[in-house]
Protein backbone atom coordinates (compact mmCIF):
# COMPACT_ATOMS: atom_id res chain seq x y z
CA UNK A 1 -11.84 -38.17 25.73
CA UNK A 2 -9.74 -37.73 22.78
CA UNK A 3 -10.58 -38.99 19.33
CA UNK A 4 -8.36 -42.00 18.08
CA UNK A 5 -5.81 -41.08 15.42
CA UNK A 6 -6.00 -42.81 12.30
CA UNK A 7 -2.52 -44.70 11.82
CA UNK A 8 -1.56 -45.34 8.21
CA UNK A 9 1.76 -47.01 6.98
CA UNK A 10 3.55 -45.69 4.05
CA UNK A 11 4.57 -48.07 1.39
CA UNK A 12 8.15 -47.87 2.06
CA UNK A 13 7.64 -48.73 5.77
CA UNK A 14 5.25 -51.82 4.86
CA UNK A 15 8.00 -53.32 2.80
CA UNK A 16 10.50 -52.67 5.73
CA UNK A 17 7.90 -54.09 8.20
CA UNK A 18 7.36 -57.49 6.28
CA UNK A 19 11.34 -57.89 6.07
CA UNK A 20 11.33 -57.79 9.81
CA UNK A 21 11.21 -60.97 12.13
CA UNK A 22 8.03 -61.92 13.36
CA UNK A 23 8.55 -60.58 16.99
CA UNK A 24 9.67 -57.19 15.55
CA UNK A 25 6.60 -57.12 13.47
CA UNK A 26 4.50 -57.51 16.34
CA UNK A 27 6.26 -54.63 18.40
CA UNK A 28 5.87 -52.33 15.61
CA UNK A 29 2.37 -53.24 15.25
CA UNK A 30 1.79 -52.71 18.99
CA UNK A 31 3.26 -49.20 18.67
CA UNK A 32 1.03 -48.28 15.97
CA UNK A 33 -2.05 -49.00 18.05
CA UNK A 34 -0.51 -47.23 20.95
CA UNK A 35 0.22 -44.13 18.79
CA UNK A 36 -3.49 -44.12 17.58
CA UNK A 37 -4.25 -43.24 21.07
CA UNK A 38 -1.28 -41.12 22.05
CA UNK A 39 0.84 -39.96 19.27
CA UNK A 40 3.38 -38.07 21.56
CA UNK A 41 4.20 -40.73 24.28
CA UNK A 42 7.10 -40.43 26.75
CA UNK A 43 10.07 -41.31 24.77
CA UNK A 44 9.04 -40.05 21.56
CA UNK A 45 11.19 -37.15 20.37
CA UNK A 46 10.55 -34.46 17.63
CA UNK A 47 12.83 -34.64 14.63
CA UNK A 48 15.03 -31.68 14.66
CA UNK A 49 14.30 -29.24 11.55
CA UNK A 50 10.96 -31.17 10.62
CA UNK A 51 7.65 -30.22 11.33
CA UNK A 52 5.34 -32.62 12.70
CA UNK A 53 8.01 -35.58 12.62
CA UNK A 54 8.73 -37.81 15.47
CA UNK A 55 10.87 -40.36 16.19
CA UNK A 56 10.77 -43.31 18.83
CA UNK A 57 13.12 -46.35 19.25
CA UNK A 58 11.61 -49.50 20.20
CA UNK A 59 14.09 -52.31 21.01
CA UNK A 60 16.69 -51.39 17.89
CA UNK A 61 14.13 -50.30 15.51
CA UNK A 62 13.84 -46.45 15.02
CA UNK A 63 10.33 -45.56 13.67
CA UNK A 64 9.76 -42.14 12.06
CA UNK A 65 6.21 -40.87 11.83
CA UNK A 66 4.37 -37.88 11.05
CA UNK A 67 1.44 -36.47 13.00
CA UNK A 68 -1.11 -34.52 10.81
CA UNK A 69 -4.68 -33.56 12.29
CA UNK A 70 -6.16 -36.71 13.49
CA UNK A 71 -3.83 -38.82 11.32
CA UNK A 72 -0.46 -40.50 11.70
CA UNK A 73 1.93 -41.63 8.78
CA UNK A 74 4.44 -44.25 9.62
CA UNK A 75 7.25 -43.20 7.35
CA UNK A 76 10.36 -45.21 8.03
CA UNK A 77 11.61 -47.89 10.16
CA UNK A 78 15.22 -48.69 10.33
């Protein structure tokens, strides 16, 4: 069994999440929970030229996050 990852959200991403509609906030938080179990799910793409950065699209939102050791940092939602 794998150890869950600790998911953190960068301050800029928190501000972006707060500006979203409630249904989109819920989607982002659901994704964060899923990433804590599997940080490289099907559909996640490595960001070219950037070590450890991944991108995933949920509905029309692109989420950029970084995986380091047992921690995931959500950096950007646009």
